[in-house]
Protein backbone atom coordinates (compact mmCIF):
# COMPACT_ATOMS: atom_id res chain seq x y z
CA MET A 1 102.96 100.32 91.34
CA GLY A 2 100.16 99.67 93.79
CA LEU A 3 99.34 100.15 97.44
CA GLN A 4 97.50 98.24 100.08
CA PHE A 5 96.24 100.35 102.97
CA HIS A 6 97.49 103.90 103.60
CA PRO A 7 101.23 104.52 103.98
CA GLU A 8 100.56 108.11 105.05
CA VAL A 9 98.75 107.10 108.25
CA ASP A 10 100.43 108.10 111.48
CA SER A 11 99.34 107.62 115.09
CA GLU A 12 97.32 110.84 115.07
CA VAL A 13 95.29 109.78 112.04
CA LEU A 14 94.84 106.26 113.41
CA SER A 15 93.63 107.63 116.74
CA HIS A 16 91.08 109.75 114.89
CA TRP A 17 89.88 106.77 112.85
CA PHE A 18 89.27 104.87 116.08
CA THR A 19 86.89 107.61 117.22
CA LEU A 20 84.72 107.23 114.10
CA ASN A 21 81.53 105.24 114.34
CA THR A 22 81.92 102.81 111.45
CA SER A 23 81.65 99.04 111.35
CA CYS A 24 85.00 98.61 109.58
CA ILE A 25 86.96 99.91 112.59
CA SER A 26 84.68 98.92 115.43
CA LYS A 27 86.24 97.83 118.71
CA GLY A 28 87.53 94.30 118.37
CA HIS A 29 86.81 94.09 114.64
CA GLU A 30 88.61 91.06 113.21
CA GLY A 31 90.11 90.40 116.66
CA LEU A 32 92.31 93.51 116.52
CA ASP A 33 93.09 95.51 119.62
CA HIS A 34 93.07 99.27 118.99
CA GLN A 35 95.58 100.00 121.75
CA ILE A 36 98.08 97.48 120.38
CA LEU A 37 97.66 98.84 116.84
CA LEU A 38 98.19 102.38 118.08
CA GLU A 39 101.31 101.39 120.05
CA GLN A 40 102.74 99.56 117.02
CA THR A 41 102.01 102.57 114.82
CA LYS A 42 103.78 104.91 117.22
CA TYR A 43 106.75 102.54 117.42
CA GLU A 44 107.03 102.32 113.61
CA GLU A 45 106.11 105.94 112.87
CA ALA A 46 109.56 107.35 112.02
CA ALA A 47 110.51 104.40 109.81
CA ALA A 48 107.07 104.36 108.19
CA CYS A 49 107.36 108.06 107.37
CA GLU A 50 110.70 107.42 105.70
CA ARG A 51 109.27 104.50 103.70
CA ALA A 52 106.28 106.61 102.61
CA ALA A 53 108.60 109.38 101.42
CA LYS A 54 110.63 106.85 99.41
CA LEU A 55 107.43 105.46 97.93
CA VAL A 56 106.30 108.91 96.79
CA ASP A 57 109.76 109.68 95.39
CA SER A 58 109.74 106.39 93.49
CA PHE A 59 106.28 107.09 92.12
CA LEU A 60 107.34 110.54 90.96
CA ASP A 61 110.52 109.19 89.37
CA LYS A 62 108.97 106.19 87.61
CA VAL A 63 105.29 106.86 87.03
CA ALA A 64 104.61 110.58 87.07
CA THR A 65 107.44 111.28 84.62
CA ALA A 66 106.63 108.38 82.27
CA GLU A 67 105.80 109.16 78.69
CA VAL A 68 102.18 108.47 77.79
CA VAL A 69 101.73 106.59 74.53
CA ILE A 70 98.29 106.64 72.98
C-alpha cells in the first residue's frame, strides 16, 4: 500500500502551505493556480476526508495487523 501526495490535506492546510516561502509551492509553479487548487480542495473536502478515513482503516486492517515473519 502506497501513497502519492497527502490525503490528510484540507483547505486550511493547503492555504497555510501557500503562505510558505518555498520554491516547490511558489506562485504559478508548474502552471498551477493557487486559487483554483484551493477552490477544488474545498469542493472535494468532505469526500476526500471520507476517502482518507477509509484509507487509514484499510491500512490498519491489512498492514498494521499483519503478522511479521523474520
